Amino acid sequence: MANLFDKIRMYFKQRSEGISVNSPYNNLFISSAIRTRDDVIKLKLLGIAHVIDLSGEIDKYADNFISYLYFPFKDEEDLPNMDLLRCVALYGYDLLIKKEIVLCHWTMGLNRGSLLAGYIMGFCGVNPKETIQRIRNVRGSLALSNKTFEKFLMEL
């Protein structure tokens, strides 16, 4: 019989309103924008305490999490600053090693959040094809539609 936490996770996974949040890997989540207090509650119920925000502005709910790392970059044909991207991915990886729950997010959670989550998964030892497949399984076929981002992950 599923415990209460599993039931809560299942309930929110099945809801289609509000924030869209999915997990391609243990304790690693990708989501769309955090827009409302209800979104924060949903993330808290999932156990998410650490947010890596890749969007253009700091969320007004940033202070609701133990850590909130702001690393904005554009969804263009060029990769972001690779030294910084590596540092941010290693930060996420370090949190996962410590059994923390991490959220990578941007407005839609399709390219930037998926790039960072995929990079973190690479540090976890997940092979590139499986990484991309897992991300697309949970975020949809439009995830990693930025071919530069997809190619980068394939070369990890």
Protein backbone atom coordinates (compact mmCIF):
# COMPACT_ATOMS: atom_id res chain seq x y z
CA MET A 1 0.00 0.00 0.00
CA ALA A 2 1.38 3.39 -1.01
CA ASN A 3 2.29 5.74 1.81
CA LEU A 4 0.74 9.19 2.16
CA PHE A 5 3.69 10.92 0.50
CA ASP A 6 3.39 8.66 -2.57
CA LYS A 7 -0.34 9.38 -2.76
CA ILE A 8 0.30 13.12 -2.59
CA ARG A 9 2.92 12.84 -5.36
CA MET A 10 0.53 10.83 -7.52
CA TYR A 11 -2.29 13.32 -6.95
CA PHE A 12 -0.18 16.27 -8.07
CA LYS A 13 1.32 14.36 -10.98
CA GLN A 14 -2.16 13.74 -12.33
CA ARG A 15 -3.32 17.33 -11.93
CA SER A 16 -2.96 19.38 -15.07
CA GLU A 17 -3.49 22.85 -13.62
CA GLY A 18 -0.78 25.03 -12.15
CA ILE A 19 2.90 24.31 -12.37
CA SER A 20 4.01 21.41 -14.56
CA VAL A 21 6.66 19.44 -12.65
CA ASN A 22 8.22 16.08 -13.54
CA SER A 23 11.15 13.95 -12.43
CA PRO A 24 13.47 12.38 -15.01
CA TYR A 25 15.81 11.07 -12.28
CA ASN A 26 15.79 10.33 -8.55
CA ASN A 27 15.22 13.56 -6.57
CA LEU A 28 15.74 15.70 -9.69
CA PHE A 29 12.79 17.65 -11.08
CA ILE A 30 12.14 19.92 -14.06
CA SER A 31 9.30 22.41 -14.07
CA SER A 32 7.63 25.35 -15.67
CA ALA A 33 7.48 28.73 -13.90
CA ILE A 34 6.60 29.09 -10.22
CA ARG A 35 3.73 31.55 -10.54
CA THR A 36 1.48 31.12 -7.50
CA ARG A 37 1.48 30.21 -3.83
CA ASP A 38 -0.27 26.95 -4.84
CA ASP A 39 2.74 26.13 -7.04
CA VAL A 40 5.03 26.58 -4.02
CA ILE A 41 2.81 24.30 -1.95
CA LYS A 42 2.90 21.65 -4.68
CA LEU A 43 6.71 21.82 -4.82
CA LYS A 44 6.98 21.64 -1.02
CA LEU A 45 4.73 18.58 -0.93
CA LEU A 46 7.10 16.94 -3.42
CA GLY A 47 9.92 17.66 -0.97
CA ILE A 48 11.65 20.21 -3.21
CA ALA A 49 13.88 22.44 -1.12
CA HIS A 50 16.44 23.61 -3.69
CA VAL A 51 15.60 25.54 -6.86
CA ILE A 52 17.87 26.39 -9.76
CA ASP A 53 16.14 29.13 -11.74
CA LEU A 54 17.22 29.67 -15.35
CA SER A 55 14.59 32.27 -16.28
CA GLY A 56 14.88 35.97 -16.92
CA GLU A 57 13.81 37.16 -13.48
CA ILE A 58 13.96 36.01 -9.88
CA ASP A 59 10.75 34.34 -8.70
CA LYS A 60 8.76 36.28 -6.13
CA TYR A 61 8.54 33.02 -4.15
CA ALA A 62 12.32 32.43 -4.07
CA ASP A 63 12.52 32.85 -0.29
CA ASN A 64 10.30 29.77 0.22
CA PHE A 65 13.16 27.38 -0.48
CA ILE A 66 16.33 26.41 1.43
CA SER A 67 18.44 27.44 -1.55
CA TYR A 68 17.57 29.35 -4.68
CA LEU A 69 20.27 29.67 -7.32
CA TYR A 70 19.60 32.14 -10.10
CA PHE A 71 21.45 31.40 -13.36
CA PRO A 72 19.61 32.97 -16.31
CA PHE A 73 20.65 32.27 -19.88
CA LYS A 74 19.03 32.42 -23.29
CA ASP A 75 17.55 29.57 -25.28
CA GLU A 76 19.63 30.23 -28.39
CA GLU A 77 21.86 28.30 -30.73
CA ASP A 78 24.86 29.02 -28.50
CA LEU A 79 25.46 27.31 -25.20
CA PRO A 80 25.63 29.48 -22.08
CA ASN A 81 28.94 30.18 -20.34
CA MET A 82 30.26 26.64 -20.00
CA ASP A 83 32.32 27.25 -16.86
CA LEU A 84 29.27 28.61 -15.06
CA LEU A 85 26.98 25.90 -16.44
CA ARG A 86 29.38 23.23 -15.17
CA CYS A 87 29.54 24.85 -11.73
CA VAL A 88 25.74 25.05 -11.50
CA ALA A 89 25.38 21.42 -12.67
CA LEU A 90 27.96 20.29 -10.10
CA TYR A 91 26.04 22.19 -7.43
CA GLY A 92 22.88 20.29 -8.38
CA TYR A 93 24.82 17.02 -8.46
CA ASP A 94 26.29 17.71 -5.01
CA LEU A 95 22.79 18.26 -3.63
CA LEU A 96 21.59 14.96 -5.13
CA ILE A 97 24.54 13.11 -3.56
CA LYS A 98 23.40 14.52 -0.21
CA LYS A 99 19.90 13.10 -0.88
CA GLU A 100 18.42 16.58 -1.37
CA ILE A 101 15.63 17.22 -3.85
CA VAL A 102 16.46 19.66 -6.66
CA LEU A 103 14.28 21.55 -9.15
CA CYS A 104 15.61 22.99 -12.43
CA HIS A 105 13.13 25.41 -13.90
CA TRP A 106 12.38 28.00 -16.49
CA THR A 107 9.14 29.36 -17.90
CA MET A 108 8.26 26.20 -19.86
CA GLY A 109 10.86 23.70 -18.62
CA LEU A 110 11.56 22.37 -22.11
CA ASN A 111 15.05 23.46 -23.11
CA ARG A 112 17.00 25.30 -20.42
CA GLY A 113 15.68 23.30 -17.47
CA SER A 114 16.14 20.11 -19.48
CA LEU A 115 19.71 21.06 -20.44
CA LEU A 116 20.71 21.60 -16.83
CA ALA A 117 18.87 18.52 -15.56
CA GLY A 118 20.50 16.46 -18.31
CA TYR A 119 23.94 17.77 -17.41
CA ILE A 120 23.33 16.88 -13.75
CA MET A 121 22.16 13.40 -14.81
CA GLY A 122 25.42 13.04 -16.76
CA PHE A 123 27.37 13.64 -13.54
CA CYS A 124 25.17 10.95 -11.94
CA GLY A 125 26.38 8.47 -14.55
CA VAL A 126 23.28 8.27 -16.74
CA ASN A 127 24.28 7.70 -20.37
CA PRO A 128 23.41 10.49 -22.84
CA LYS A 129 20.73 8.63 -24.85
CA GLU A 130 18.96 7.51 -21.69
CA THR A 131 19.19 11.05 -20.27
CA ILE A 132 17.49 12.57 -23.32
CA GLN A 133 14.88 9.81 -23.45
CA ARG A 134 14.01 10.18 -19.76
CA ILE A 135 13.66 13.94 -20.12
CA ARG A 136 11.41 13.61 -23.16
CA ASN A 137 9.37 10.91 -21.45
CA VAL A 138 8.48 13.27 -18.61
CA ARG A 139 8.48 16.68 -20.36
CA GLY A 140 7.19 15.69 -23.80
CA SER A 141 8.63 15.50 -27.30
CA LEU A 142 9.32 19.26 -27.42
CA ALA A 143 11.87 18.94 -24.61
CA LEU A 144 15.39 19.61 -25.84
CA SER A 145 14.13 20.87 -29.18
CA ASN A 146 17.14 23.20 -29.12
CA LYS A 147 19.49 21.01 -31.15
CA THR A 148 22.60 22.68 -29.68
CA PHE A 149 21.49 21.67 -26.19
CA GLU A 150 20.62 18.14 -27.34
CA LYS A 151 24.00 17.75 -29.09
CA PHE A 152 25.83 18.94 -25.98
CA LEU A 153 24.11 16.31 -23.85
CA MET A 154 24.77 13.59 -26.44
CA GLU A 155 28.49 14.37 -26.22
CA LEU A 156 28.76 14.04 -22.44
